[in-house]
Amino acid sequence: MKAAAIILSGGKSSRMGTNKALLKINEKTNIERIADALNLSFNDIILVTNHPEEYQFLGVKMVSDQYPGQGPLAGVHAGLLSSPYETNFVVACDMPFVSAKLAELLVKKSSGFDAVIPVINGVQHPLFAVFQKRVAEVAAQSIETGQLRMKHLLDRLNVLYVSEKDLQAYSSIDLERVFFNMNHPNEYEDAKKWAEDR
């Protein structure tokens, strides 16, 4: 597929108390699970991290933020800037049940848009979304004017919002798993249980 997958390794993980990307689920670190899933569909995987030494074992291309400490928007900017592709799937490192098929579907819907953002149960998911490379420039402008929220970026873009109705091939349980974020220790425990049941 003519698109790259960009994984954001995340910030301080303060609510979890430890690096979420490196937590193990079924003997694999969370970030390995995500990279392995996306490898099925994407030729290029780019990891955005300010601590590359922690992720050498992944064997993927790594880039660091040009605007360190400015949150996920800076990660999206760095990933898009370094991507050789126009179309890019971006995902956060705290989503252990990433679906490459769903990522592919979002990529297919992206023609003519700056971004494709899923909206599940009324919640936007800009960190499981597709962005065009040109968005890097808009992200830099947002950061430089102190508008650091992903919403600030989306307000400046031509966005296709995709709801559950548009994703009817997926059951509500599947979608709940795919868009599950692991931020607290109890959510990590839930993720481990779900992974064992699969």
Protein backbone atom coordinates (compact mmCIF):
# COMPACT_ATOMS: atom_id res chain seq x y z
CA MET A 1 0.00 0.00 0.00
CA LYS A 2 1.35 3.42 -0.91
CA ALA A 3 1.26 4.80 2.63
CA ALA A 4 3.42 4.81 5.74
CA ALA A 5 2.38 3.91 9.27
CA ILE A 6 3.58 6.33 11.94
CA ILE A 7 3.59 5.16 15.57
CA LEU A 8 3.81 7.84 18.27
CA SER A 9 5.77 6.42 21.19
CA GLY A 10 4.02 8.75 23.59
CA GLY A 11 4.97 11.12 26.35
CA LYS A 12 5.50 10.70 30.05
CA SER A 13 2.87 7.97 30.71
CA SER A 14 2.30 9.66 34.07
CA ARG A 15 -1.10 8.03 34.67
CA MET A 16 0.29 4.55 34.03
CA GLY A 17 3.42 5.17 36.09
CA THR A 18 5.63 3.41 33.52
CA ASN A 19 6.26 3.53 29.76
CA LYS A 20 3.03 2.21 28.16
CA ALA A 21 4.77 1.33 24.90
CA LEU A 22 7.03 -1.20 26.65
CA LEU A 23 4.40 -2.94 28.79
CA LYS A 24 4.07 -6.61 27.86
CA ILE A 25 0.89 -8.26 26.66
CA ASN A 26 1.16 -11.97 25.85
CA GLU A 27 4.99 -11.87 25.91
CA LYS A 28 5.20 -8.98 23.41
CA THR A 29 5.63 -5.32 24.25
CA ASN A 30 2.67 -3.14 23.36
CA ILE A 31 4.67 -1.32 20.70
CA GLU A 32 5.78 -4.62 19.11
CA ARG A 33 2.13 -5.71 18.88
CA ILE A 34 1.28 -2.48 17.06
CA ALA A 35 4.31 -2.63 14.71
CA ASP A 36 3.68 -6.32 13.90
CA ALA A 37 0.01 -5.66 13.11
CA LEU A 38 0.80 -2.69 10.85
CA ASN A 39 3.62 -4.54 9.08
CA LEU A 40 0.93 -6.67 7.45
CA SER A 41 -0.33 -3.68 5.45
CA PHE A 42 2.36 -0.98 5.40
CA ASN A 43 5.83 -1.18 3.83
CA ASP A 44 7.17 1.69 5.88
CA ILE A 45 6.84 2.00 9.64
CA ILE A 46 8.14 5.14 11.34
CA LEU A 47 8.42 5.42 15.11
CA VAL A 48 8.41 8.92 16.59
CA THR A 49 10.39 8.86 19.83
CA ASN A 50 12.69 11.13 21.79
CA HIS A 51 14.31 8.02 23.35
CA PRO A 52 15.45 5.92 20.36
CA GLU A 53 17.77 3.83 22.54
CA GLU A 54 14.71 2.22 24.19
CA TYR A 55 13.31 0.99 20.86
CA GLN A 56 16.36 -0.32 18.97
CA PHE A 57 14.94 -3.86 19.26
CA LEU A 58 12.04 -2.95 16.93
CA GLY A 59 14.30 -2.48 13.92
CA VAL A 60 12.17 0.31 12.43
CA LYS A 61 12.99 3.82 11.21
CA MET A 62 12.97 6.29 14.13
CA VAL A 63 12.65 10.07 14.21
CA SER A 64 12.49 12.58 17.06
CA ASP A 65 10.28 15.60 17.63
CA GLN A 66 11.44 18.90 16.18
CA TYR A 67 9.32 20.53 18.88
CA PRO A 68 10.07 18.42 22.00
CA GLY A 69 7.62 18.61 24.88
CA GLN A 70 4.76 19.89 22.73
CA GLY A 71 2.58 16.78 22.92
CA PRO A 72 1.13 14.50 20.25
CA LEU A 73 0.81 17.29 17.70
CA ALA A 74 4.63 17.52 17.64
CA GLY A 75 4.80 13.75 17.14
CA VAL A 76 2.39 13.90 14.20
CA HIS A 77 4.48 16.74 12.72
CA ALA A 78 7.77 14.82 13.05
CA GLY A 79 6.32 11.63 11.61
CA LEU A 80 4.72 13.31 8.59
CA LEU A 81 7.82 15.36 7.89
CA SER A 82 10.01 12.24 7.74
CA SER A 83 7.58 10.09 5.74
CA PRO A 84 8.39 9.30 2.10
CA TYR A 85 4.65 8.93 1.40
CA GLU A 86 1.89 11.47 0.82
CA THR A 87 -0.64 9.37 2.75
CA ASN A 88 0.11 8.30 6.31
CA PHE A 89 -1.67 6.35 9.01
CA VAL A 90 -0.89 7.69 12.50
CA VAL A 91 -1.48 5.72 15.70
CA ALA A 92 -0.66 6.20 19.40
CA CYS A 93 1.38 3.60 21.27
CA ASP A 94 -1.31 2.96 23.89
CA MET A 95 -3.71 1.10 21.56
CA PRO A 96 -2.80 -2.60 21.86
CA PHE A 97 -5.53 -3.92 19.52
CA VAL A 98 -4.73 -1.93 16.38
CA SER A 99 -6.44 -3.23 13.22
CA ALA A 100 -4.36 -3.00 10.04
CA LYS A 101 -7.52 -3.71 8.00
CA LEU A 102 -9.29 -0.72 9.55
CA ALA A 103 -6.19 1.42 8.95
CA GLU A 104 -6.26 0.33 5.29
CA LEU A 105 -9.93 1.28 5.02
CA LEU A 106 -9.20 4.79 6.35
CA VAL A 107 -6.34 5.16 3.85
CA LYS A 108 -8.70 4.15 1.01
CA LYS A 109 -11.17 6.86 2.07
CA SER A 110 -8.52 9.60 2.22
CA SER A 111 -8.49 10.76 -1.39
CA GLY A 112 -9.30 14.48 -1.61
CA PHE A 113 -9.00 15.08 2.15
CA ASP A 114 -6.21 16.34 4.42
CA ALA A 115 -7.22 13.86 7.12
CA VAL A 116 -9.62 10.99 7.88
CA ILE A 117 -10.68 10.88 11.54
CA PRO A 118 -12.81 8.10 13.07
CA VAL A 119 -15.60 9.23 15.42
CA ILE A 120 -16.66 6.33 17.67
CA ASN A 121 -19.49 6.81 20.19
CA GLY A 122 -19.23 10.53 19.49
CA VAL A 123 -15.51 10.65 20.36
CA GLN A 124 -12.96 11.77 17.75
CA HIS A 125 -9.80 9.64 17.43
CA PRO A 126 -7.11 11.80 15.78
CA LEU A 127 -4.45 9.36 17.02
CA PHE A 128 -5.84 6.47 14.97
CA ALA A 129 -6.24 8.43 11.78
CA VAL A 130 -4.92 9.22 8.32
CA PHE A 131 -3.08 12.45 7.50
CA GLN A 132 -1.53 13.71 4.27
CA LYS A 133 2.13 14.72 4.39
CA ARG A 134 1.24 18.36 3.63
CA VAL A 135 -0.41 18.55 7.06
CA ALA A 136 3.10 18.73 8.61
CA GLU A 137 3.31 22.38 7.58
CA VAL A 138 -0.06 23.20 9.16
CA ALA A 139 0.95 21.32 12.33
CA ALA A 140 4.14 23.42 12.56
CA GLN A 141 2.07 26.62 12.24
CA SER A 142 -0.26 25.41 15.01
CA ILE A 143 2.63 24.57 17.33
CA GLU A 144 4.39 27.87 16.67
CA THR A 145 1.24 29.82 17.54
CA GLY A 146 0.80 27.83 20.77
CA GLN A 147 -2.25 25.88 19.55
CA LEU A 148 -1.14 22.47 20.71
CA ARG A 149 -4.34 20.45 20.81
CA MET A 150 -5.11 18.03 17.99
CA LYS A 151 -8.49 19.77 17.69
CA HIS A 152 -6.68 23.01 16.81
CA LEU A 153 -5.00 21.20 13.92
CA LEU A 154 -8.24 19.57 12.68
CA ASP A 155 -9.99 22.96 12.65
CA ARG A 156 -7.50 24.06 9.99
CA LEU A 157 -7.91 21.01 7.73
CA ASN A 158 -10.33 19.52 5.21
CA VAL A 159 -11.32 16.48 7.29
CA LEU A 160 -13.46 13.45 6.50
CA TYR A 161 -15.05 12.25 9.76
CA VAL A 162 -15.92 8.55 9.69
CA SER A 163 -18.54 7.16 12.11
CA GLU A 164 -19.57 3.62 13.10
CA LYS A 165 -22.09 3.72 10.22
CA ASP A 166 -19.20 4.06 7.76
CA LEU A 167 -17.42 1.12 9.40
CA GLN A 168 -20.26 -1.38 9.31
CA ALA A 169 -17.94 -4.26 8.52
CA TYR A 170 -16.85 -3.99 12.17
CA SER A 171 -19.00 -4.93 15.15
CA SER A 172 -19.32 -2.54 18.08
CA ILE A 173 -17.20 -4.94 20.17
CA ASP A 174 -14.43 -4.93 17.54
CA LEU A 175 -14.48 -1.14 17.40
CA GLU A 176 -14.42 -0.89 21.19
CA ARG A 177 -11.27 -3.05 21.23
CA VAL A 178 -9.52 -1.27 18.35
CA PHE A 179 -10.10 2.17 19.89
CA PHE A 180 -9.28 1.04 23.43
CA ASN A 181 -6.65 3.30 25.05
CA MET A 182 -4.48 1.92 27.81
CA ASN A 183 -3.75 4.81 30.18
CA HIS A 184 -4.21 3.43 33.71
CA PRO A 185 -2.96 0.25 35.42
CA ASN A 186 -6.50 -1.23 35.52
CA GLU A 187 -6.80 -0.73 31.74
CA TYR A 188 -3.51 -2.59 31.29
CA GLU A 189 -4.99 -5.49 33.29
CA ASP A 190 -8.09 -5.42 31.05
CA ALA A 191 -5.92 -5.48 27.93
CA LYS A 192 -3.99 -8.52 29.19
CA LYS A 193 -7.23 -10.39 29.87
CA TRP A 194 -8.66 -9.54 26.44
CA ALA A 195 -5.46 -10.61 24.70
CA GLU A 196 -5.57 -13.99 26.48
CA ASP A 197 -9.20 -14.52 25.43
CA ARG A 198 -8.52 -13.86 21.75
